[in-house]
Amino acid sequence: MAWYLTVVPGPSRVLLLDANKPVDVFDLVELTDRIARVRSAFLFELGEELRVRVEQDGRQFDAPARVRAHMGPDAEKITELELGERTPS
């Protein structure tokens, strides 16, 4: 009898990179090719440049992210991050 290991991709997530160490400060709301919409206890400045790690479909990549907008009421604020060029992590 043969056993096979199937890798099932986990949920997507976005992590803040602080000194190249991933920090889980975001709750991912939506992820497209160039935009990540996230919730966070932190309110980043509009135009602020961050480094993030994106985990999606069992793969990881790092990318610069620019804070484009904050939307919604304070209790449910969504931050929109524009993702730059991806590099494998």
PDB file of N, CA and C in Angstrom:
ATOM      1  N   MET A   1       0.845  -1.167   0.000  1.00  0.00           N
ATOM      2  CA  MET A   1       0.000   0.000   0.000  1.00  0.00           C
ATOM      3  C   MET A   1       0.897   1.239   0.000  1.00  0.00           C
ATOM      4  N   ALA A   2       0.644   2.171  -0.892  1.00  0.00           N
ATOM      5  CA  ALA A   2       1.435   3.396  -0.995  1.00  0.00           C
ATOM      6  C   ALA A   2       0.707   4.546  -0.309  1.00  0.00           C
ATOM      7  N   TRP A   3       1.471   5.347   0.376  1.00  0.00           N
ATOM      8  CA  TRP A   3       0.932   6.545   1.023  1.00  0.00           C
ATOM      9  C   TRP A   3       1.446   7.763   0.280  1.00  0.00           C
ATOM     10  N   TYR A   4       0.581   8.711   0.069  1.00  0.00           N
ATOM     11  CA  TYR A   4       0.962   9.932  -0.626  1.00  0.00           C
ATOM     12  C   TYR A   4       0.675  11.127   0.275  1.00  0.00           C
ATOM     13  N   LEU A   5       1.595  12.065   0.256  1.00  0.00           N
ATOM     14  CA  LEU A   5       1.420  13.282   1.016  1.00  0.00           C
ATOM     15  C   LEU A   5       0.867  14.353   0.092  1.00  0.00           C
ATOM     16  N   THR A   6      -0.248  14.895   0.450  1.00  0.00           N
ATOM     17  CA  THR A   6      -0.842  15.973  -0.326  1.00  0.00           C
ATOM     18  C   THR A   6      -0.678  17.267   0.453  1.00  0.00           C
ATOM     19  N   VAL A   7      -0.103  18.265  -0.193  1.00  0.00           N
ATOM     20  CA  VAL A   7       0.059  19.562   0.443  1.00  0.00           C
ATOM     21  C   VAL A   7      -1.141  20.419   0.076  1.00  0.00           C
ATOM     22  N   VAL A   8      -1.866  20.834   1.085  1.00  0.00           N
ATOM     23  CA  VAL A   8      -3.034  21.680   0.872  1.00  0.00           C
ATOM     24  C   VAL A   8      -2.637  23.100   1.250  1.00  0.00           C
ATOM     25  N   PRO A   9      -2.733  24.039   0.302  1.00  0.00           N
ATOM     26  CA  PRO A   9      -2.361  25.410   0.624  1.00  0.00           C
ATOM     27  C   PRO A   9      -3.213  25.954   1.764  1.00  0.00           C
ATOM     28  N   GLY A  10      -2.560  26.650   2.672  1.00  0.00           N
ATOM     29  CA  GLY A  10      -3.273  27.272   3.784  1.00  0.00           C
ATOM     30  C   GLY A  10      -3.885  28.587   3.349  1.00  0.00           C
ATOM     31  N   PRO A  11      -4.526  29.236   4.270  1.00  0.00           N
ATOM     32  CA  PRO A  11      -5.131  30.520   3.939  1.00  0.00           C
ATOM     33  C   PRO A  11      -4.049  31.564   3.628  1.00  0.00           C
ATOM     34  N   SER A  12      -4.408  32.540   2.851  1.00  0.00           N
ATOM     35  CA  SER A  12      -3.477  33.623   2.533  1.00  0.00           C
ATOM     36  C   SER A  12      -3.336  34.538   3.735  1.00  0.00           C
ATOM     37  N   ARG A  13      -2.156  35.153   3.868  1.00  0.00           N
ATOM     38  CA  ARG A  13      -1.966  36.147   4.906  1.00  0.00           C
ATOM     39  C   ARG A  13      -0.858  37.101   4.514  1.00  0.00           C
ATOM     40  N   VAL A  14      -0.845  38.257   5.160  1.00  0.00           N
ATOM     41  CA  VAL A  14       0.163  39.288   4.936  1.00  0.00           C
ATOM     42  C   VAL A  14       0.816  39.580   6.282  1.00  0.00           C
ATOM     43  N   LEU A  15       2.150  39.570   6.291  1.00  0.00           N
ATOM     44  CA  LEU A  15       2.922  39.809   7.509  1.00  0.00           C
ATOM     45  C   LEU A  15       3.805  41.037   7.307  1.00  0.00           C
ATOM     46  N   LEU A  16       3.940  41.853   8.313  1.00  0.00           N
ATOM     47  CA  LEU A  16       4.853  42.993   8.289  1.00  0.00           C
ATOM     48  C   LEU A  16       6.265  42.471   8.520  1.00  0.00           C
ATOM     49  N   LEU A  17       7.228  42.938   7.735  1.00  0.00           N
ATOM     50  CA  LEU A  17       8.623  42.567   7.955  1.00  0.00           C
ATOM     51  C   LEU A  17       9.296  43.676   8.751  1.00  0.00           C
ATOM     52  N   ASP A  18       9.775  43.327   9.928  1.00  0.00           N
ATOM     53  CA  ASP A  18      10.486  44.257  10.800  1.00  0.00           C
ATOM     54  C   ASP A  18      11.878  43.699  11.001  1.00  0.00           C
ATOM     55  N   ALA A  19      12.887  44.383  10.444  1.00  0.00           N
ATOM     56  CA  ALA A  19      14.274  43.890  10.469  1.00  0.00           C
ATOM     57  C   ALA A  19      14.336  42.480   9.876  1.00  0.00           C
ATOM     58  N   ASN A  20      13.604  42.273   8.784  1.00  0.00           N
ATOM     59  CA  ASN A  20      13.527  41.004   8.053  1.00  0.00           C
ATOM     60  C   ASN A  20      12.875  39.875   8.829  1.00  0.00           C
ATOM     61  N   LYS A  21      12.223  40.186   9.937  1.00  0.00           N
ATOM     62  CA  LYS A  21      11.494  39.177  10.707  1.00  0.00           C
ATOM     63  C   LYS A  21      10.001  39.419  10.532  1.00  0.00           C
ATOM     64  N   PRO A  22       9.249  38.380  10.162  1.00  0.00           N
ATOM     65  CA  PRO A  22       7.805  38.560   9.967  1.00  0.00           C
ATOM     66  C   PRO A  22       7.069  38.767  11.290  1.00  0.00           C
ATOM     67  N   VAL A  23       6.205  39.769  11.303  1.00  0.00           N
ATOM     68  CA  VAL A  23       5.397  40.092  12.472  1.00  0.00           C
ATOM     69  C   VAL A  23       3.932  40.085  12.032  1.00  0.00           C
ATOM     70  N   ASP A  24       3.113  39.347  12.743  1.00  0.00           N
ATOM     71  CA  ASP A  24       1.703  39.186  12.376  1.00  0.00           C
ATOM     72  C   ASP A  24       0.869  40.319  12.979  1.00  0.00           C
ATOM     73  N   VAL A  25       0.706  41.419  12.224  1.00  0.00           N
ATOM     74  CA  VAL A  25      -0.060  42.566  12.710  1.00  0.00           C
ATOM     75  C   VAL A  25      -1.298  42.841  11.844  1.00  0.00           C
ATOM     76  N   PHE A  26      -1.489  42.054  10.786  1.00  0.00           N
ATOM     77  CA  PHE A  26      -2.587  42.292   9.852  1.00  0.00           C
ATOM     78  C   PHE A  26      -3.596  41.150   9.864  1.00  0.00           C
ATOM     79  N   ASP A  27      -4.873  41.507   9.733  1.00  0.00           N
ATOM     80  CA  ASP A  27      -5.926  40.546   9.406  1.00  0.00           C
ATOM     81  C   ASP A  27      -6.271  40.809   7.949  1.00  0.00           C
ATOM     82  N   LEU A  28      -6.043  39.829   7.105  1.00  0.00           N
ATOM     83  CA  LEU A  28      -6.266  40.000   5.669  1.00  0.00           C
ATOM     84  C   LEU A  28      -7.755  40.002   5.360  1.00  0.00           C
ATOM     85  N   VAL A  29      -8.197  41.028   4.642  1.00  0.00           N
ATOM     86  CA  VAL A  29      -9.587  41.156   4.217  1.00  0.00           C
ATOM     87  C   VAL A  29      -9.720  40.736   2.758  1.00  0.00           C
ATOM     88  N   GLU A  30      -8.790  41.222   1.920  1.00  0.00           N
ATOM     89  CA  GLU A  30      -8.831  40.917   0.488  1.00  0.00           C
ATOM     90  C   GLU A  30      -7.425  41.026  -0.074  1.00  0.00           C
ATOM     91  N   LEU A  31      -7.104  40.145  -1.018  1.00  0.00           N
ATOM     92  CA  LEU A  31      -5.789  40.154  -1.647  1.00  0.00           C
ATOM     93  C   LEU A  31      -5.963  39.980  -3.141  1.00  0.00           C
ATOM     94  N   THR A  32      -5.434  40.945  -3.896  1.00  0.00           N
ATOM     95  CA  THR A  32      -5.402  40.836  -5.357  1.00  0.00           C
ATOM     96  C   THR A  32      -3.937  40.830  -5.771  1.00  0.00           C
ATOM     97  N   ASP A  33      -3.689  40.872  -7.051  1.00  0.00           N
ATOM     98  CA  ASP A  33      -2.323  40.833  -7.549  1.00  0.00           C
ATOM     99  C   ASP A  33      -1.497  42.012  -7.048  1.00  0.00           C
ATOM    100  N   ARG A  34      -2.082  43.204  -6.945  1.00  0.00           N
ATOM    101  CA  ARG A  34      -1.334  44.406  -6.586  1.00  0.00           C
ATOM    102  C   ARG A  34      -1.812  45.103  -5.313  1.00  0.00           C
ATOM    103  N   ILE A  35      -2.924  44.652  -4.729  1.00  0.00           N
ATOM    104  CA  ILE A  35      -3.508  45.330  -3.577  1.00  0.00           C
ATOM    105  C   ILE A  35      -3.804  44.324  -2.461  1.00  0.00           C
ATOM    106  N   ALA A  36      -3.455  44.715  -1.234  1.00  0.00           N
ATOM    107  CA  ALA A  36      -3.853  43.947  -0.046  1.00  0.00           C
ATOM    108  C   ALA A  36      -4.689  44.878   0.822  1.00  0.00           C
ATOM    109  N   ARG A  37      -5.882  44.437   1.163  1.00  0.00           N
ATOM    110  CA  ARG A  37      -6.727  45.188   2.095  1.00  0.00           C
ATOM    111  C   ARG A  37      -6.681  44.441   3.425  1.00  0.00           C
ATOM    112  N   VAL A  38      -6.255  45.167   4.463  1.00  0.00           N
ATOM    113  CA  VAL A  38      -5.996  44.545   5.760  1.00  0.00           C
ATOM    114  C   VAL A  38      -6.607  45.373   6.890  1.00  0.00           C
ATOM    115  N   ARG A  39      -6.800  44.719   8.023  1.00  0.00           N
ATOM    116  CA  ARG A  39      -7.147  45.404   9.273  1.00  0.00           C
ATOM    117  C   ARG A  39      -5.946  45.261  10.199  1.00  0.00           C
ATOM    118  N   SER A  40      -5.726  46.295  11.003  1.00  0.00           N
ATOM    119  CA  SER A  40      -4.606  46.262  11.933  1.00  0.00           C
ATOM    120  C   SER A  40      -4.898  47.175  13.115  1.00  0.00           C
ATOM    121  N   ALA A  41      -4.324  46.845  14.256  1.00  0.00           N
ATOM    122  CA  ALA A  41      -4.412  47.718  15.420  1.00  0.00           C
ATOM    123  C   ALA A  41      -3.548  48.963  15.218  1.00  0.00           C
ATOM    124  N   PHE A  42      -2.644  48.909  14.238  1.00  0.00           N
ATOM    125  CA  PHE A  42      -1.751  50.023  13.941  1.00  0.00           C
ATOM    126  C   PHE A  42      -2.327  50.846  12.794  1.00  0.00           C
ATOM    127  N   LEU A  43      -2.235  52.154  12.897  1.00  0.00           N
ATOM    128  CA  LEU A  43      -2.682  53.039  11.827  1.00  0.00           C
ATOM    129  C   LEU A  43      -1.434  53.630  11.174  1.00  0.00           C
ATOM    130  N   PHE A  44      -1.063  53.073  10.043  1.00  0.00           N
ATOM    131  CA  PHE A  44       0.126  53.526   9.337  1.00  0.00           C
ATOM    132  C   PHE A  44      -0.193  54.813   8.586  1.00  0.00           C
ATOM    133  N   GLU A  45       0.822  55.635   8.365  1.00  0.00           N
ATOM    134  CA  GLU A  45       0.661  56.910   7.662  1.00  0.00           C
ATOM    135  C   GLU A  45       0.357  56.677   6.184  1.00  0.00           C
ATOM    136  N   LEU A  46      -0.508  57.505   5.613  1.00  0.00           N
ATOM    137  CA  LEU A  46      -0.738  57.451   4.170  1.00  0.00           C
ATOM    138  C   LEU A  46       0.582  57.737   3.466  1.00  0.00           C
ATOM    139  N   GLY A  47       0.899  56.926   2.463  1.00  0.00           N
ATOM    140  CA  GLY A  47       2.153  57.068   1.733  1.00  0.00           C
ATOM    141  C   GLY A  47       3.319  56.343   2.371  1.00  0.00           C
ATOM    142  N   GLU A  48       3.149  55.837   3.580  1.00  0.00           N
ATOM    143  CA  GLU A  48       4.232  55.132   4.272  1.00  0.00           C
ATOM    144  C   GLU A  48       4.624  53.880   3.504  1.00  0.00           C
ATOM    145  N   GLU A  49       5.924  53.622   3.444  1.00  0.00           N
ATOM    146  CA  GLU A  49       6.456  52.439   2.764  1.00  0.00           C
ATOM    147  C   GLU A  49       6.764  51.364   3.799  1.00  0.00           C
ATOM    148  N   LEU A  50       6.252  50.173   3.587  1.00  0.00           N
ATOM    149  CA  LEU A  50       6.478  49.028   4.459  1.00  0.00           C
ATOM    150  C   LEU A  50       7.087  47.897   3.648  1.00  0.00           C
ATOM    151  N   ARG A  51       7.666  46.924   4.316  1.00  0.00           N
ATOM    152  CA  ARG A  51       8.056  45.661   3.672  1.00  0.00           C
ATOM    153  C   ARG A  51       7.125  44.601   4.239  1.00  0.00           C
ATOM    154  N   VAL A  52       6.559  43.797   3.357  1.00  0.00           N
ATOM    155  CA  VAL A  52       5.637  42.758   3.792  1.00  0.00           C
ATOM    156  C   VAL A  52       6.022  41.415   3.192  1.00  0.00           C
ATOM    157  N   ARG A  53       5.555  40.374   3.834  1.00  0.00           N
ATOM    158  CA  ARG A  53       5.664  39.010   3.299  1.00  0.00           C
ATOM    159  C   ARG A  53       4.238  38.529   3.065  1.00  0.00           C
ATOM    160  N   VAL A  54       3.987  38.033   1.868  1.00  0.00           N
ATOM    161  CA  VAL A  54       2.667  37.513   1.509  1.00  0.00           C
ATOM    162  C   VAL A  54       2.777  36.003   1.384  1.00  0.00           C
ATOM    163  N   GLU A  55       1.884  35.311   2.070  1.00  0.00           N
ATOM    164  CA  GLU A  55       1.789  33.852   1.960  1.00  0.00           C
ATOM    165  C   GLU A  55       0.480  33.556   1.261  1.00  0.00           C
ATOM    166  N   GLN A  56       0.581  32.888   0.102  1.00  0.00           N
ATOM    167  CA  GLN A  56      -0.603  32.634  -0.720  1.00  0.00           C
ATOM    168  C   GLN A  56      -0.400  31.352  -1.520  1.00  0.00           C
ATOM    169  N   ASP A  57      -1.390  30.504  -1.509  1.00  0.00           N
ATOM    170  CA  ASP A  57      -1.361  29.255  -2.279  1.00  0.00           C
ATOM    171  C   ASP A  57      -0.115  28.424  -1.995  1.00  0.00           C
ATOM    172  N   GLY A  58       0.304  28.388  -0.732  1.00  0.00           N
ATOM    173  CA  GLY A  58       1.457  27.582  -0.357  1.00  0.00           C
ATOM    174  C   GLY A  58       2.794  28.193  -0.728  1.00  0.00           C
ATOM    175  N   ARG A  59       2.805  29.420  -1.243  1.00  0.00           N
ATOM    176  CA  ARG A  59       4.052  30.105  -1.620  1.00  0.00           C
ATOM    177  C   ARG A  59       4.202  31.365  -0.791  1.00  0.00           C
ATOM    178  N   GLN A  60       5.441  31.864  -0.723  1.00  0.00           N
ATOM    179  CA  GLN A  60       5.729  33.099  -0.003  1.00  0.00           C
ATOM    180  C   GLN A  60       6.511  34.037  -0.897  1.00  0.00           C
ATOM    181  N   PHE A  61       6.232  35.321  -0.777  1.00  0.00           N
ATOM    182  CA  PHE A  61       7.066  36.323  -1.423  1.00  0.00           C
ATOM    183  C   PHE A  61       7.092  37.575  -0.565  1.00  0.00           C
ATOM    184  N   ASP A  62       8.179  38.330  -0.705  1.00  0.00           N
ATOM    185  CA  ASP A  62       8.325  39.607  -0.023  1.00  0.00           C
ATOM    186  C   ASP A  62       8.082  40.710  -1.046  1.00  0.00           C
ATOM    187  N   ALA A  63       7.600  41.859  -0.566  1.00  0.00           N
ATOM    188  CA  ALA A  63       7.334  42.976  -1.464  1.00  0.00           C
ATOM    189  C   ALA A  63       7.297  44.269  -0.670  1.00  0.00           C
ATOM    190  N   PRO A  64       7.664  45.366  -1.332  1.00  0.00           N
ATOM    191  CA  PRO A  64       7.411  46.652  -0.705  1.00  0.00           C
ATOM    192  C   PRO A  64       5.908  46.914  -0.772  1.00  0.00           C
ATOM    193  N   ALA A  65       5.392  47.637   0.201  1.00  0.00           N
ATOM    194  CA  ALA A  65       3.965  47.966   0.210  1.00  0.00           C
ATOM    195  C   ALA A  65       3.826  49.433   0.612  1.00  0.00           C
ATOM    196  N   ARG A  66       3.020  50.166  -0.138  1.00  0.00           N
ATOM    197  CA  ARG A  66       2.764  51.575   0.159  1.00  0.00           C
ATOM    198  C   ARG A  66       1.340  51.716   0.663  1.00  0.00           C
ATOM    199  N   VAL A  67       1.161  52.417   1.763  1.00  0.00           N
ATOM    200  CA  VAL A  67      -0.170  52.641   2.323  1.00  0.00           C
ATOM    201  C   VAL A  67      -0.903  53.632   1.422  1.00  0.00           C
ATOM    202  N   ARG A  68      -1.975  53.161   0.773  1.00  0.00           N
ATOM    203  CA  ARG A  68      -2.727  54.005  -0.173  1.00  0.00           C
ATOM    204  C   ARG A  68      -3.921  54.691   0.455  1.00  0.00           C
ATOM    205  N   ALA A  69      -4.616  54.000   1.358  1.00  0.00           N
ATOM    206  CA  ALA A  69      -5.856  54.564   1.894  1.00  0.00           C
ATOM    207  C   ALA A  69      -6.262  53.847   3.169  1.00  0.00           C
ATOM    208  N   HIS A  70      -7.115  54.527   3.926  1.00  0.00           N
ATOM    209  CA  HIS A  70      -7.807  53.936   5.069  1.00  0.00           C
ATOM    210  C   HIS A  70      -9.290  54.130   4.792  1.00  0.00           C
ATOM    211  N   MET A  71     -10.075  53.069   4.952  1.00  0.00           N
ATOM    212  CA  MET A  71     -11.502  53.128   4.634  1.00  0.00           C
ATOM    213  C   MET A  71     -12.328  52.589   5.790  1.00  0.00           C
ATOM    214  N   GLY A  72     -13.531  53.089   5.925  1.00  0.00           N
ATOM    215  CA  GLY A  72     -14.472  52.567   6.895  1.00  0.00           C
ATOM    216  C   GLY A  72     -14.416  53.277   8.231  1.00  0.00           C
ATOM    217  N   PRO A  73     -15.364  52.932   9.116  1.00  0.00           N
ATOM    218  CA  PRO A  73     -15.410  53.544  10.448  1.00  0.00           C
ATOM    219  C   PRO A  73     -14.215  53.088  11.290  1.00  0.00           C
ATOM    220  N   ASP A  74     -13.901  53.878  12.321  1.00  0.00           N
ATOM    221  CA  ASP A  74     -12.716  53.602  13.154  1.00  0.00           C
ATOM    222  C   ASP A  74     -12.670  52.171  13.685  1.00  0.00           C
ATOM    223  N   ALA A  75     -13.785  51.656  14.134  1.00  0.00           N
ATOM    224  CA  ALA A  75     -13.817  50.314  14.729  1.00  0.00           C
ATOM    225  C   ALA A  75     -13.575  49.209  13.693  1.00  0.00           C
ATOM    226  N   GLU A  76     -13.779  49.512  12.427  1.00  0.00           N
ATOM    227  CA  GLU A  76     -13.617  48.506  11.367  1.00  0.00           C
ATOM    228  C   GLU A  76     -12.730  49.028  10.243  1.00  0.00           C
ATOM    229  N   LYS A  77     -11.767  49.862  10.583  1.00  0.00           N
ATOM    230  CA  LYS A  77     -10.899  50.508   9.595  1.00  0.00           C
ATOM    231  C   LYS A  77     -10.154  49.465   8.758  1.00  0.00           C
ATOM    232  N   ILE A  78     -10.180  49.650   7.442  1.00  0.00           N
ATOM    233  CA  ILE A  78      -9.443  48.801   6.509  1.00  0.00           C
ATOM    234  C   ILE A  78      -8.344  49.652   5.880  1.00  0.00           C
ATOM    235  N   THR A  79      -7.137  49.130   5.878  1.00  0.00           N
ATOM    236  CA  THR A  79      -5.997  49.802   5.267  1.00  0.00           C
ATOM    237  C   THR A  79      -5.708  49.132   3.935  1.00  0.00           C
ATOM    238  N   GLU A  80      -5.537  49.952   2.909  1.00  0.00           N
ATOM    239  CA  GLU A  80      -5.244  49.437   1.571  1.00  0.00           C
ATOM    240  C   GLU A  80      -3.751  49.605   1.301  1.00  0.00           C
ATOM    241  N   LEU A  81      -3.093  48.486   1.006  1.00  0.00           N
ATOM    242  CA  LEU A  81      -1.660  48.473   0.713  1.00  0.00           C
ATOM    243  C   LEU A  81      -1.450  48.163  -0.759  1.00  0.00           C
ATOM    244  N   GLU A  82      -0.671  49.003  -1.440  1.00  0.00           N
ATOM    245  CA  GLU A  82      -0.303  48.742  -2.823  1.00  0.00           C
ATOM    246  C   GLU A  82       1.008  47.957  -2.822  1.00  0.00           C
ATOM    247  N   LEU A  83       0.990  46.761  -3.390  1.00  0.00           N
ATOM    248  CA  LEU A  83       2.156  45.882  -3.387  1.00  0.00           C
ATOM    249  C   LEU A  83       3.057  46.187  -4.564  1.00  0.00           C
ATOM    250  N   GLY A  84       4.356  46.244  -4.307  1.00  0.00           N
ATOM    251  CA  GLY A  84       5.346  46.467  -5.351  1.00  0.00           C
ATOM    252  C   GLY A  84       5.865  45.152  -5.906  1.00  0.00           C
ATOM    253  N   GLU A  85       7.055  45.212  -6.475  1.00  0.00           N
ATOM    254  CA  GLU A  85       7.670  44.052  -7.118  1.00  0.00           C
ATOM    255  C   GLU A  85       7.936  42.933  -6.113  1.00  0.00           C
ATOM    256  N   ARG A  86       7.499  41.752  -6.460  1.00  0.00           N
ATOM    257  CA  ARG A  86       7.629  40.580  -5.573  1.00  0.00           C
ATOM    258  C   ARG A  86       8.986  39.914  -5.725  1.00  0.00           C
ATOM    259  N   THR A  87       9.519  39.478  -4.588  1.00  0.00           N
ATOM    260  CA  THR A  87      10.738  38.675  -4.612  1.00  0.00           C
ATOM    261  C   THR A  87      10.485  37.437  -3.755  1.00  0.00           C
ATOM    262  N   PRO A  88      10.944  36.258  -4.186  1.00  0.00           N
ATOM    263  CA  PRO A  88      10.746  35.052  -3.380  1.00  0.00           C
ATOM    264  C   PRO A  88      11.377  35.218  -2.001  1.00  0.00           C
ATOM    265  N   SER A  89      10.706  34.672  -0.993  1.00  0.00           N
ATOM    266  CA  SER A  89      11.274  34.784   0.354  1.00  0.00           C
ATOM    267  C   SER A  89      11.837  33.459   0.820  1.00  0.00           C
TER     268      SER A  89
END
